[in-house]
């Protein structure tokens, strides 16, 4: 469990560093992001970060992260706050996220990220 919590923290650090290559190291090749608008390939998000169209200046977990490991699959659910800029507009988010990690070649990688606004 500690390994996965540390991994999630390093991934948040890569996001705030706006380093798309570093972020890509945390995800599977077919990683998807699910939100209110539907399912989109993670490569879309990575492309926005790589181009500079999307940046993050803050991201933090609020409270404990729930971790459940089921064999080679792990589910991490947390409340996150973040500050992002997309094409010049600032967005402050307070969201619930669930990341589905799979163990591949001895490494944990995220295959799916789901997030929704906190009510």
PDB file of N, CA and C in Angstrom:
ATOM      1  N   UNK A   1       0.821  -1.191   0.000  1.00  0.00           N
ATOM      2  CA  UNK A   1       0.000   0.000   0.000  1.00  0.00           C
ATOM      3  C   UNK A   1       0.869   1.261   0.000  1.00  0.00           C
ATOM      4  N   UNK A   2       1.918   1.290   0.814  1.00  0.00           N
ATOM      5  CA  UNK A   2       2.807   2.456   0.849  1.00  0.00           C
ATOM      6  C   UNK A   2       3.421   2.721  -0.516  1.00  0.00           C
ATOM      7  N   UNK A   3       3.767   1.641  -1.216  1.00  0.00           N
ATOM      8  CA  UNK A   3       4.352   1.779  -2.555  1.00  0.00           C
ATOM      9  C   UNK A   3       3.397   2.515  -3.486  1.00  0.00           C
ATOM     10  N   UNK A   4       2.123   2.158  -3.450  1.00  0.00           N
ATOM     11  CA  UNK A   4       1.130   2.793  -4.321  1.00  0.00           C
ATOM     12  C   UNK A   4       0.861   4.237  -3.915  1.00  0.00           C
ATOM     13  N   UNK A   5       0.820   4.515  -2.625  1.00  0.00           N
ATOM     14  CA  UNK A   5       0.633   5.893  -2.174  1.00  0.00           C
ATOM     15  C   UNK A   5       1.809   6.767  -2.603  1.00  0.00           C
ATOM     16  N   UNK A   6       3.022   6.249  -2.498  1.00  0.00           N
ATOM     17  CA  UNK A   6       4.199   7.001  -2.932  1.00  0.00           C
ATOM     18  C   UNK A   6       4.178   7.209  -4.447  1.00  0.00           C
ATOM     19  N   UNK A   7       3.746   6.190  -5.173  1.00  0.00           N
ATOM     20  CA  UNK A   7       3.633   6.302  -6.627  1.00  0.00           C
ATOM     21  C   UNK A   7       2.638   7.397  -7.012  1.00  0.00           C
ATOM     22  N   UNK A   8       1.489   7.416  -6.355  1.00  0.00           N
ATOM     23  CA  UNK A   8       0.478   8.439  -6.639  1.00  0.00           C
ATOM     24  C   UNK A   8       1.027   9.839  -6.356  1.00  0.00           C
ATOM     25  N   UNK A   9       1.797   9.984  -5.295  1.00  0.00           N
ATOM     26  CA  UNK A   9       2.394  11.278  -4.972  1.00  0.00           C
ATOM     27  C   UNK A   9       3.401  11.701  -6.036  1.00  0.00           C
ATOM     28  N   UNK A  10       4.231  10.774  -6.491  1.00  0.00           N
ATOM     29  CA  UNK A  10       5.212  11.107  -7.550  1.00  0.00           C
ATOM     30  C   UNK A  10       4.506  11.479  -8.857  1.00  0.00           C
ATOM     31  N   UNK A  11       3.379  10.833  -9.141  1.00  0.00           N
ATOM     32  CA  UNK A  11       2.613  11.155 -10.346  1.00  0.00           C
ATOM     33  C   UNK A  11       2.048  12.571 -10.239  1.00  0.00           C
ATOM     34  N   UNK A  12       1.502  12.931  -9.075  1.00  0.00           N
ATOM     35  CA  UNK A  12       1.002  14.301  -8.880  1.00  0.00           C
ATOM     36  C   UNK A  12       2.132  15.305  -9.049  1.00  0.00           C
ATOM     37  N   UNK A  13       3.311  14.976  -8.557  1.00  0.00           N
ATOM     38  CA  UNK A  13       4.465  15.863  -8.722  1.00  0.00           C
ATOM     39  C   UNK A  13       4.814  16.047 -10.195  1.00  0.00           C
ATOM     40  N   UNK A  14       4.733  14.979 -10.977  1.00  0.00           N
ATOM     41  CA  UNK A  14       5.010  15.076 -12.422  1.00  0.00           C
ATOM     42  C   UNK A  14       3.964  15.950 -13.104  1.00  0.00           C
ATOM     43  N   UNK A  15       2.712  15.855 -12.665  1.00  0.00           N
ATOM     44  CA  UNK A  15       1.644  16.669 -13.245  1.00  0.00           C
ATOM     45  C   UNK A  15       1.898  18.143 -12.950  1.00  0.00           C
ATOM     46  N   UNK A  16       2.233  18.471 -11.719  1.00  0.00           N
ATOM     47  CA  UNK A  16       2.486  19.863 -11.349  1.00  0.00           C
ATOM     48  C   UNK A  16       3.760  20.387 -12.012  1.00  0.00           C
ATOM     49  N   UNK A  17       4.695  19.493 -12.320  1.00  0.00           N
ATOM     50  CA  UNK A  17       5.903  19.891 -13.048  1.00  0.00           C
ATOM     51  C   UNK A  17       5.605  20.113 -14.530  1.00  0.00           C
ATOM     52  N   UNK A  18       4.388  19.762 -14.958  1.00  0.00           N
ATOM     53  CA  UNK A  18       3.967  19.919 -16.360  1.00  0.00           C
ATOM     54  C   UNK A  18       4.913  19.195 -17.314  1.00  0.00           C
ATOM     55  N   UNK A  19       5.308  17.997 -16.902  1.00  0.00           N
ATOM     56  CA  UNK A  19       6.256  17.177 -17.655  1.00  0.00           C
ATOM     57  C   UNK A  19       5.520  15.978 -18.267  1.00  0.00           C
ATOM     58  N   UNK A  20       5.076  16.134 -19.500  1.00  0.00           N
ATOM     59  CA  UNK A  20       4.281  15.101 -20.164  1.00  0.00           C
ATOM     60  C   UNK A  20       5.043  13.788 -20.295  1.00  0.00           C
ATOM     61  N   UNK A  21       6.340  13.848 -20.577  1.00  0.00           N
ATOM     62  CA  UNK A  21       7.119  12.610 -20.695  1.00  0.00           C
ATOM     63  C   UNK A  21       7.177  11.879 -19.359  1.00  0.00           C
ATOM     64  N   UNK A  22       7.390  12.619 -18.297  1.00  0.00           N
ATOM     65  CA  UNK A  22       7.428  12.011 -16.965  1.00  0.00           C
ATOM     66  C   UNK A  22       6.054  11.450 -16.598  1.00  0.00           C
ATOM     67  N   UNK A  23       4.996  12.186 -16.911  1.00  0.00           N
ATOM     68  CA  UNK A  23       3.640  11.707 -16.651  1.00  0.00           C
ATOM     69  C   UNK A  23       3.379  10.399 -17.389  1.00  0.00           C
ATOM     70  N   UNK A  24       3.833  10.312 -18.623  1.00  0.00           N
ATOM     71  CA  UNK A  24       3.603   9.129 -19.459  1.00  0.00           C
ATOM     72  C   UNK A  24       4.228   7.881 -18.833  1.00  0.00           C
ATOM     73  N   UNK A  25       5.262   8.046 -18.045  1.00  0.00           N
ATOM     74  CA  UNK A  25       5.896   6.914 -17.388  1.00  0.00           C
ATOM     75  C   UNK A  25       5.038   6.260 -16.314  1.00  0.00           C
ATOM     76  N   UNK A  26       3.953   6.912 -15.920  1.00  0.00           N
ATOM     77  CA  UNK A  26       3.070   6.389 -14.880  1.00  0.00           C
ATOM     78  C   UNK A  26       1.857   5.652 -15.438  1.00  0.00           C
ATOM     79  N   UNK A  27       1.680   5.667 -16.756  1.00  0.00           N
ATOM     80  CA  UNK A  27       0.443   5.151 -17.344  1.00  0.00           C
ATOM     81  C   UNK A  27       0.711   4.060 -18.379  1.00  0.00           C
ATOM     82  N   UNK A  28      -0.327   3.267 -18.628  1.00  0.00           N
ATOM     83  CA  UNK A  28      -0.249   2.252 -19.684  1.00  0.00           C
ATOM     84  C   UNK A  28      -0.369   2.944 -21.043  1.00  0.00           C
ATOM     85  N   UNK A  29      -0.012   2.224 -22.089  1.00  0.00           N
ATOM     86  CA  UNK A  29      -0.107   2.785 -23.438  1.00  0.00           C
ATOM     87  C   UNK A  29      -1.540   3.111 -23.827  1.00  0.00           C
ATOM     88  N   UNK A  30      -2.507   2.408 -23.223  1.00  0.00           N
ATOM     89  CA  UNK A  30      -3.913   2.640 -23.570  1.00  0.00           C
ATOM     90  C   UNK A  30      -4.696   3.312 -22.438  1.00  0.00           C
ATOM     91  N   UNK A  31      -4.000   4.081 -21.593  1.00  0.00           N
ATOM     92  CA  UNK A  31      -4.614   4.801 -20.485  1.00  0.00           C
ATOM     93  C   UNK A  31      -5.757   5.680 -20.986  1.00  0.00           C
ATOM     94  N   UNK A  32      -6.865   5.671 -20.259  1.00  0.00           N
ATOM     95  CA  UNK A  32      -8.006   6.518 -20.601  1.00  0.00           C
ATOM     96  C   UNK A  32      -8.396   7.369 -19.396  1.00  0.00           C
ATOM     97  N   UNK A  33      -9.029   8.506 -19.705  1.00  0.00           N
ATOM     98  CA  UNK A  33      -9.525   9.421 -18.692  1.00  0.00           C
ATOM     99  C   UNK A  33     -11.039   9.500 -18.854  1.00  0.00           C
ATOM    100  N   UNK A  34     -11.756   9.313 -17.745  1.00  0.00           N
ATOM    101  CA  UNK A  34     -13.217   9.348 -17.750  1.00  0.00           C
ATOM    102  C   UNK A  34     -13.664  10.539 -16.907  1.00  0.00           C
ATOM    103  N   UNK A  35     -14.510  11.372 -17.502  1.00  0.00           N
ATOM    104  CA  UNK A  35     -15.082  12.490 -16.757  1.00  0.00           C
ATOM    105  C   UNK A  35     -16.508  12.728 -17.243  1.00  0.00           C
ATOM    106  N   UNK A  36     -17.085  13.845 -16.887  1.00  0.00           N
ATOM    107  CA  UNK A  36     -18.483  14.121 -17.242  1.00  0.00           C
ATOM    108  C   UNK A  36     -18.724  14.127 -18.744  1.00  0.00           C
ATOM    109  N   UNK A  37     -17.685  14.401 -19.538  1.00  0.00           N
ATOM    110  CA  UNK A  37     -17.870  14.438 -20.987  1.00  0.00           C
ATOM    111  C   UNK A  37     -17.669  13.080 -21.646  1.00  0.00           C
ATOM    112  N   UNK A  38     -17.255  12.078 -20.884  1.00  0.00           N
ATOM    113  CA  UNK A  38     -17.103  10.737 -21.444  1.00  0.00           C
ATOM    114  C   UNK A  38     -15.704  10.177 -21.267  1.00  0.00           C
ATOM    115  N   UNK A  39     -15.342   9.269 -22.168  1.00  0.00           N
ATOM    116  CA  UNK A  39     -14.051   8.584 -22.130  1.00  0.00           C
ATOM    117  C   UNK A  39     -13.153   9.177 -23.208  1.00  0.00           C
ATOM    118  N   UNK A  40     -11.948   9.568 -22.836  1.00  0.00           N
ATOM    119  CA  UNK A  40     -11.003  10.068 -23.833  1.00  0.00           C
ATOM    120  C   UNK A  40      -9.641   9.419 -23.628  1.00  0.00           C
ATOM    121  N   UNK A  41      -8.898   9.267 -24.706  1.00  0.00           N
ATOM    122  CA  UNK A  41      -7.575   8.661 -24.578  1.00  0.00           C
ATOM    123  C   UNK A  41      -6.655   9.556 -23.748  1.00  0.00           C
ATOM    124  N   UNK A  42      -5.875   8.949 -22.898  1.00  0.00           N
ATOM    125  CA  UNK A  42      -4.939   9.702 -22.082  1.00  0.00           C
ATOM    126  C   UNK A  42      -3.927  10.470 -22.912  1.00  0.00           C
ATOM    127  N   UNK A  43      -3.677  10.000 -24.123  1.00  0.00           N
ATOM    128  CA  UNK A  43      -2.734  10.705 -24.995  1.00  0.00           C
ATOM    129  C   UNK A  43      -3.212  12.122 -25.291  1.00  0.00           C
ATOM    130  N   UNK A  44      -4.520  12.337 -25.252  1.00  0.00           N
ATOM    131  CA  UNK A  44      -5.053  13.692 -25.464  1.00  0.00           C
ATOM    132  C   UNK A  44      -4.574  14.611 -24.345  1.00  0.00           C
ATOM    133  N   UNK A  45      -4.710  14.159 -23.092  1.00  0.00           N
ATOM    134  CA  UNK A  45      -4.264  14.950 -21.950  1.00  0.00           C
ATOM    135  C   UNK A  45      -2.757  15.171 -22.004  1.00  0.00           C
ATOM    136  N   UNK A  46      -2.014  14.113 -22.300  1.00  0.00           N
ATOM    137  CA  UNK A  46      -0.553  14.249 -22.388  1.00  0.00           C
ATOM    138  C   UNK A  46      -0.161  15.238 -23.477  1.00  0.00           C
ATOM    139  N   UNK A  47      -0.879  15.236 -24.589  1.00  0.00           N
ATOM    140  CA  UNK A  47      -0.610  16.179 -25.677  1.00  0.00           C
ATOM    141  C   UNK A  47      -0.862  17.619 -25.269  1.00  0.00           C
ATOM    142  N   UNK A  48      -1.934  17.849 -24.508  1.00  0.00           N
ATOM    143  CA  UNK A  48      -2.230  19.204 -24.023  1.00  0.00           C
ATOM    144  C   UNK A  48      -1.123  19.703 -23.104  1.00  0.00           C
ATOM    145  N   UNK A  49      -0.625  18.820 -22.233  1.00  0.00           N
ATOM    146  CA  UNK A  49       0.461  19.201 -21.330  1.00  0.00           C
ATOM    147  C   UNK A  49       1.743  19.442 -22.129  1.00  0.00           C
ATOM    148  N   UNK A  50       2.052  18.558 -23.065  1.00  0.00           N
ATOM    149  CA  UNK A  50       3.277  18.703 -23.865  1.00  0.00           C
ATOM    150  C   UNK A  50       3.280  20.000 -24.667  1.00  0.00           C
ATOM    151  N   UNK A  51       2.110  20.406 -25.145  1.00  0.00           N
ATOM    152  CA  UNK A  51       2.022  21.627 -25.957  1.00  0.00           C
ATOM    153  C   UNK A  51       2.031  22.898 -25.113  1.00  0.00           C
ATOM    154  N   UNK A  52       1.814  22.761 -23.800  1.00  0.00           N
ATOM    155  CA  UNK A  52       1.727  23.923 -22.927  1.00  0.00           C
ATOM    156  C   UNK A  52       0.327  24.506 -22.841  1.00  0.00           C
ATOM    157  N   UNK A  53      -0.628  23.925 -23.571  1.00  0.00           N
ATOM    158  CA  UNK A  53      -2.008  24.422 -23.529  1.00  0.00           C
ATOM    159  C   UNK A  53      -2.651  24.154 -22.171  1.00  0.00           C
ATOM    160  N   UNK A  54      -2.170  23.124 -21.465  1.00  0.00           N
ATOM    161  CA  UNK A  54      -2.679  22.787 -20.139  1.00  0.00           C
ATOM    162  C   UNK A  54      -1.503  22.719 -19.178  1.00  0.00           C
ATOM    163  N   UNK A  55      -1.599  23.480 -18.092  1.00  0.00           N
ATOM    164  CA  UNK A  55      -0.573  23.437 -17.048  1.00  0.00           C
ATOM    165  C   UNK A  55      -1.261  23.323 -15.695  1.00  0.00           C
ATOM    166  N   UNK A  56      -0.529  22.773 -14.753  1.00  0.00           N
ATOM    167  CA  UNK A  56      -0.999  22.689 -13.373  1.00  0.00           C
ATOM    168  C   UNK A  56       0.019  23.398 -12.482  1.00  0.00           C
ATOM    169  N   UNK A  57      -0.479  24.151 -11.509  1.00  0.00           N
ATOM    170  CA  UNK A  57       0.414  24.804 -10.556  1.00  0.00           C
ATOM    171  C   UNK A  57       0.257  24.232  -9.151  1.00  0.00           C
ATOM    172  N   UNK A  58      -0.789  23.434  -8.934  1.00  0.00           N
ATOM    173  CA  UNK A  58      -0.991  22.812  -7.622  1.00  0.00           C
ATOM    174  C   UNK A  58      -1.856  21.568  -7.777  1.00  0.00           C
ATOM    175  N   UNK A  59      -1.579  20.576  -6.943  1.00  0.00           N
ATOM    176  CA  UNK A  59      -2.410  19.376  -6.869  1.00  0.00           C
ATOM    177  C   UNK A  59      -2.084  18.685  -5.548  1.00  0.00           C
ATOM    178  N   UNK A  60      -3.122  18.424  -4.763  1.00  0.00           N
ATOM    179  CA  UNK A  60      -2.888  17.811  -3.460  1.00  0.00           C
ATOM    180  C   UNK A  60      -4.058  16.920  -3.074  1.00  0.00           C
ATOM    181  N   UNK A  61      -3.738  15.851  -2.370  1.00  0.00           N
ATOM    182  CA  UNK A  61      -4.770  14.983  -1.817  1.00  0.00           C
ATOM    183  C   UNK A  61      -5.335  15.640  -0.566  1.00  0.00           C
ATOM    184  N   UNK A  62      -6.652  15.522  -0.411  1.00  0.00           N
ATOM    185  CA  UNK A  62      -7.337  16.030   0.774  1.00  0.00           C
ATOM    186  C   UNK A  62      -7.813  14.805   1.555  1.00  0.00           C
ATOM    187  N   UNK A  63      -7.232  14.579   2.703  1.00  0.00           N
ATOM    188  CA  UNK A  63      -7.600  13.404   3.474  1.00  0.00           C
ATOM    189  C   UNK A  63      -6.904  12.163   2.962  1.00  0.00           C
ATOM    190  N   UNK A  64      -7.263  11.024   3.533  1.00  0.00           N
ATOM    191  CA  UNK A  64      -6.589   9.773   3.165  1.00  0.00           C
ATOM    192  C   UNK A  64      -7.028   9.263   1.790  1.00  0.00           C
ATOM    193  N   UNK A  65      -6.119   8.550   1.156  1.00  0.00           N
ATOM    194  CA  UNK A  65      -6.406   7.882  -0.106  1.00  0.00           C
ATOM    195  C   UNK A  65      -6.801   6.439   0.208  1.00  0.00           C
ATOM    196  N   UNK A  66      -7.892   5.998  -0.388  1.00  0.00           N
ATOM    197  CA  UNK A  66      -8.345   4.610  -0.200  1.00  0.00           C
ATOM    198  C   UNK A  66      -7.603   3.747  -1.224  1.00  0.00           C
ATOM    199  N   UNK A  67      -6.939   2.710  -0.756  1.00  0.00           N
ATOM    200  CA  UNK A  67      -6.190   1.801  -1.625  1.00  0.00           C
ATOM    201  C   UNK A  67      -6.721   0.392  -1.433  1.00  0.00           C
ATOM    202  N   UNK A  68      -7.058  -0.255  -2.549  1.00  0.00           N
ATOM    203  CA  UNK A  68      -7.473  -1.658  -2.529  1.00  0.00           C
ATOM    204  C   UNK A  68      -6.683  -2.380  -3.598  1.00  0.00           C
ATOM    205  N   UNK A  69      -6.005  -3.461  -3.199  1.00  0.00           N
ATOM    206  CA  UNK A  69      -5.219  -4.257  -4.140  1.00  0.00           C
ATOM    207  C   UNK A  69      -5.920  -5.589  -4.326  1.00  0.00           C
ATOM    208  N   UNK A  70      -6.161  -5.931  -5.581  1.00  0.00           N
ATOM    209  CA  UNK A  70      -6.808  -7.191  -5.954  1.00  0.00           C
ATOM    210  C   UNK A  70      -5.888  -7.883  -6.961  1.00  0.00           C
ATOM    211  N   UNK A  71      -4.943  -8.646  -6.455  1.00  0.00           N
ATOM    212  CA  UNK A  71      -3.979  -9.304  -7.334  1.00  0.00           C
ATOM    213  C   UNK A  71      -3.092  -8.278  -8.020  1.00  0.00           C
ATOM    214  N   UNK A  72      -3.132  -8.264  -9.352  1.00  0.00           N
ATOM    215  CA  UNK A  72      -2.311  -7.331 -10.129  1.00  0.00           C
ATOM    216  C   UNK A  72      -3.069  -6.065 -10.519  1.00  0.00           C
ATOM    217  N   UNK A  73      -4.146  -5.774  -9.793  1.00  0.00           N
ATOM    218  CA  UNK A  73      -4.932  -4.560 -10.015  1.00  0.00           C
ATOM    219  C   UNK A  73      -5.063  -3.824  -8.689  1.00  0.00           C
ATOM    220  N   UNK A  74      -4.924  -2.509  -8.737  1.00  0.00           N
ATOM    221  CA  UNK A  74      -5.079  -1.690  -7.534  1.00  0.00           C
ATOM    222  C   UNK A  74      -5.991  -0.517  -7.850  1.00  0.00           C
ATOM    223  N   UNK A  75      -6.854  -0.216  -6.897  1.00  0.00           N
ATOM    224  CA  UNK A  75      -7.786   0.904  -7.025  1.00  0.00           C
ATOM    225  C   UNK A  75      -7.420   1.950  -5.985  1.00  0.00           C
ATOM    226  N   UNK A  76      -7.162   3.176  -6.434  1.00  0.00           N
ATOM    227  CA  UNK A  76      -6.853   4.277  -5.531  1.00  0.00           C
ATOM    228  C   UNK A  76      -7.931   5.334  -5.693  1.00  0.00           C
ATOM    229  N   UNK A  77      -8.610   5.665  -4.614  1.00  0.00           N
ATOM    230  CA  UNK A  77      -9.659   6.666  -4.642  1.00  0.00           C
ATOM    231  C   UNK A  77      -9.296   7.762  -3.659  1.00  0.00           C
ATOM    232  N   UNK A  78      -9.375   9.008  -4.120  1.00  0.00           N
ATOM    233  CA  UNK A  78      -8.979  10.135  -3.284  1.00  0.00           C
ATOM    234  C   UNK A  78      -9.744  11.390  -3.685  1.00  0.00           C
ATOM    235  N   UNK A  79      -9.780  12.300  -2.758  1.00  0.00           N
ATOM    236  CA  UNK A  79     -10.267  13.645  -3.064  1.00  0.00           C
ATOM    237  C   UNK A  79      -9.030  14.492  -3.335  1.00  0.00           C
ATOM    238  N   UNK A  80      -9.021  15.176  -4.472  1.00  0.00           N
ATOM    239  CA  UNK A  80      -7.892  16.024  -4.858  1.00  0.00           C
ATOM    240  C   UNK A  80      -8.362  17.441  -5.115  1.00  0.00           C
ATOM    241  N   UNK A  81      -7.525  18.390  -4.743  1.00  0.00           N
ATOM    242  CA  UNK A  81      -7.734  19.771  -5.162  1.00  0.00           C
ATOM    243  C   UNK A  81      -6.599  20.117  -6.113  1.00  0.00           C
ATOM    244  N   UNK A  82      -6.907  20.944  -7.102  1.00  0.00           N
ATOM    245  CA  UNK A  82      -5.866  21.326  -8.051  1.00  0.00           C
ATOM    246  C   UNK A  82      -6.162  22.691  -8.644  1.00  0.00           C
ATOM    247  N   UNK A  83      -5.106  23.300  -9.144  1.00  0.00           N
ATOM    248  CA  UNK A  83      -5.208  24.541  -9.898  1.00  0.00           C
ATOM    249  C   UNK A  83      -4.559  24.290 -11.245  1.00  0.00           C
ATOM    250  N   UNK A  84      -5.317  24.566 -12.298  1.00  0.00           N
ATOM    251  CA  UNK A  84      -4.826  24.351 -13.658  1.00  0.00           C
ATOM    252  C   UNK A  84      -5.116  25.586 -14.490  1.00  0.00           C
ATOM    253  N   UNK A  85      -4.376  25.700 -15.581  1.00  0.00           N
ATOM    254  CA  UNK A  85      -4.626  26.742 -16.578  1.00  0.00           C
ATOM    255  C   UNK A  85      -4.760  26.050 -17.924  1.00  0.00           C
ATOM    256  N   UNK A  86      -5.855  26.328 -18.589  1.00  0.00           N
ATOM    257  CA  UNK A  86      -6.085  25.767 -19.923  1.00  0.00           C
ATOM    258  C   UNK A  86      -6.349  26.921 -20.876  1.00  0.00           C
ATOM    259  N   UNK A  87      -5.427  27.061 -21.813  1.00  0.00           N
ATOM    260  CA  UNK A  87      -5.516  28.126 -22.814  1.00  0.00           C
ATOM    261  C   UNK A  87      -5.799  29.482 -22.172  1.00  0.00           C
ATOM    262  N   UNK A  88      -5.051  29.773 -21.099  1.00  0.00           N
ATOM    263  CA  UNK A  88      -5.132  31.081 -20.461  1.00  0.00           C
ATOM    264  C   UNK A  88      -6.191  31.243 -19.394  1.00  0.00           C
ATOM    265  N   UNK A  89      -7.038  30.258 -19.191  1.00  0.00           N
ATOM    266  CA  UNK A  89      -8.092  30.344 -18.175  1.00  0.00           C
ATOM    267  C   UNK A  89      -7.722  29.498 -16.973  1.00  0.00           C
ATOM    268  N   UNK A  90      -7.904  30.070 -15.791  1.00  0.00           N
ATOM    269  CA  UNK A  90      -7.594  29.359 -14.548  1.00  0.00           C
ATOM    270  C   UNK A  90      -8.791  28.514 -14.130  1.00  0.00           C
ATOM    271  N   UNK A  91      -8.497  27.298 -13.652  1.00  0.00           N
ATOM    272  CA  UNK A  91      -9.513  26.386 -13.142  1.00  0.00           C
ATOM    273  C   UNK A  91      -9.056  25.845 -11.798  1.00  0.00           C
ATOM    274  N   UNK A  92      -9.887  26.054 -10.779  1.00  0.00           N
ATOM    275  CA  UNK A  92      -9.630  25.467  -9.471  1.00  0.00           C
ATOM    276  C   UNK A  92     -10.618  24.324  -9.309  1.00  0.00           C
ATOM    277  N   UNK A  93     -10.090  23.151  -9.028  1.00  0.00           N
ATOM    278  CA  UNK A  93     -10.935  21.960  -8.958  1.00  0.00           C
ATOM    279  C   UNK A  93     -10.863  21.319  -7.581  1.00  0.00           C
ATOM    280  N   UNK A  94     -11.975  20.760  -7.186  1.00  0.00           N
ATOM    281  CA  UNK A  94     -12.088  19.933  -5.978  1.00  0.00           C
ATOM    282  C   UNK A  94     -12.833  18.696  -6.461  1.00  0.00           C
ATOM    283  N   UNK A  95     -12.108  17.589  -6.602  1.00  0.00           N
ATOM    284  CA  UNK A  95     -12.656  16.427  -7.298  1.00  0.00           C
ATOM    285  C   UNK A  95     -12.400  15.137  -6.536  1.00  0.00           C
ATOM    286  N   UNK A  96     -13.257  14.174  -6.805  1.00  0.00           N
ATOM    287  CA  UNK A  96     -13.030  12.788  -6.407  1.00  0.00           C
ATOM    288  C   UNK A  96     -12.407  12.087  -7.594  1.00  0.00           C
ATOM    289  N   UNK A  97     -11.349  11.336  -7.352  1.00  0.00           N
ATOM    290  CA  UNK A  97     -10.692  10.606  -8.434  1.00  0.00           C
ATOM    291  C   UNK A  97     -10.545   9.139  -8.048  1.00  0.00           C
ATOM    292  N   UNK A  98     -10.618   8.309  -9.056  1.00  0.00           N
ATOM    293  CA  UNK A  98     -10.281   6.898  -8.894  1.00  0.00           C
ATOM    294  C   UNK A  98      -9.320   6.542 -10.015  1.00  0.00           C
ATOM    295  N   UNK A  99      -8.187   5.983  -9.628  1.00  0.00           N
ATOM    296  CA  UNK A  99      -7.196   5.498 -10.596  1.00  0.00           C
ATOM    297  C   UNK A  99      -7.137   3.988 -10.488  1.00  0.00           C
ATOM    298  N   UNK A 100      -7.168   3.330 -11.632  1.00  0.00           N
ATOM    299  CA  UNK A 100      -7.041   1.876 -11.704  1.00  0.00           C
ATOM    300  C   UNK A 100      -5.627   1.572 -12.193  1.00  0.00           C
ATOM    301  N   UNK A 101      -4.840   0.980 -11.321  1.00  0.00           N
ATOM    302  CA  UNK A 101      -3.465   0.602 -11.661  1.00  0.00           C
ATOM    303  C   UNK A 101      -3.394  -0.891 -11.928  1.00  0.00           C
ATOM    304  N   UNK A 102      -2.554  -1.268 -12.869  1.00  0.00           N
ATOM    305  CA  UNK A 102      -2.282  -2.675 -13.145  1.00  0.00           C
ATOM    306  C   UNK A 102      -0.773  -2.891 -13.031  1.00  0.00           C
ATOM    307  N   UNK A 103      -0.415  -4.077 -12.558  1.00  0.00           N
ATOM    308  CA  UNK A 103       1.011  -4.399 -12.454  1.00  0.00           C
ATOM    309  C   UNK A 103       1.446  -5.045 -13.761  1.00  0.00           C
ATOM    310  N   UNK A 104       2.383  -4.388 -14.447  1.00  0.00           N
ATOM    311  CA  UNK A 104       2.918  -4.889 -15.715  1.00  0.00           C
ATOM    312  C   UNK A 104       4.433  -4.934 -15.605  1.00  0.00           C
ATOM    313  N   UNK A 105       5.017  -6.065 -15.907  1.00  0.00           N
ATOM    314  CA  UNK A 105       6.473  -6.215 -15.852  1.00  0.00           C
ATOM    315  C   UNK A 105       7.046  -5.729 -14.519  1.00  0.00           C
ATOM    316  N   UNK A 106       6.342  -6.043 -13.424  1.00  0.00           N
ATOM    317  CA  UNK A 106       6.820  -5.683 -12.102  1.00  0.00           C
ATOM    318  C   UNK A 106       6.582  -4.233 -11.699  1.00  0.00           C
ATOM    319  N   UNK A 107       5.901  -3.455 -12.543  1.00  0.00           N
ATOM    320  CA  UNK A 107       5.652  -2.031 -12.257  1.00  0.00           C
ATOM    321  C   UNK A 107       4.158  -1.750 -12.233  1.00  0.00           C
ATOM    322  N   UNK A 108       3.770  -0.843 -11.364  1.00  0.00           N
ATOM    323  CA  UNK A 108       2.388  -0.389 -11.357  1.00  0.00           C
ATOM    324  C   UNK A 108       2.228   0.751 -12.350  1.00  0.00           C
ATOM    325  N   UNK A 109       1.197   0.638 -13.200  1.00  0.00           N
ATOM    326  CA  UNK A 109       0.890   1.697 -14.168  1.00  0.00           C
ATOM    327  C   UNK A 109      -0.608   1.937 -14.177  1.00  0.00           C
ATOM    328  N   UNK A 110      -0.976   3.191 -14.366  1.00  0.00           N
ATOM    329  CA  UNK A 110      -2.394   3.540 -14.368  1.00  0.00           C
ATOM    330  C   UNK A 110      -3.006   3.241 -15.735  1.00  0.00           C
ATOM    331  N   UNK A 111      -4.113   2.514 -15.738  1.00  0.00           N
ATOM    332  CA  UNK A 111      -4.816   2.170 -16.977  1.00  0.00           C
ATOM    333  C   UNK A 111      -6.063   3.024 -17.173  1.00  0.00           C
ATOM    334  N   UNK A 112      -6.601   3.568 -16.065  1.00  0.00           N
ATOM    335  CA  UNK A 112      -7.827   4.357 -16.153  1.00  0.00           C
ATOM    336  C   UNK A 112      -7.866   5.353 -15.009  1.00  0.00           C
ATOM    337  N   UNK A 113      -8.217   6.583 -15.345  1.00  0.00           N
ATOM    338  CA  UNK A 113      -8.441   7.630 -14.352  1.00  0.00           C
ATOM    339  C   UNK A 113      -9.860   8.129 -14.518  1.00  0.00           C
ATOM    340  N   UNK A 114     -10.598   8.145 -13.416  1.00  0.00           N
ATOM    341  CA  UNK A 114     -11.960   8.680 -13.444  1.00  0.00           C
ATOM    342  C   UNK A 114     -12.034   9.809 -12.434  1.00  0.00           C
ATOM    343  N   UNK A 115     -12.603  10.936 -12.849  1.00  0.00           N
ATOM    344  CA  UNK A 115     -12.785  11.998 -11.870  1.00  0.00           C
ATOM    345  C   UNK A 115     -14.118  12.686 -12.043  1.00  0.00           C
ATOM    346  N   UNK A 116     -14.612  13.184 -10.900  1.00  0.00           N
ATOM    347  CA  UNK A 116     -15.876  13.925 -10.918  1.00  0.00           C
ATOM    348  C   UNK A 116     -15.795  15.027  -9.866  1.00  0.00           C
ATOM    349  N   UNK A 117     -16.467  16.128 -10.150  1.00  0.00           N
ATOM    350  CA  UNK A 117     -16.450  17.268  -9.242  1.00  0.00           C
ATOM    351  C   UNK A 117     -17.064  16.880  -7.900  1.00  0.00           C
ATOM    352  N   UNK A 118     -16.476  17.402  -6.847  1.00  0.00           N
ATOM    353  CA  UNK A 118     -17.018  17.191  -5.504  1.00  0.00           C
ATOM    354  C   UNK A 118     -18.268  18.048  -5.368  1.00  0.00           C
ATOM    355  N   UNK A 119     -19.312  17.444  -4.867  1.00  0.00           N
ATOM    356  CA  UNK A 119     -20.586  18.167  -4.711  1.00  0.00           C
ATOM    357  C   UNK A 119     -20.561  19.038  -3.481  1.00  0.00           C
TER     358      UNK A 119
END
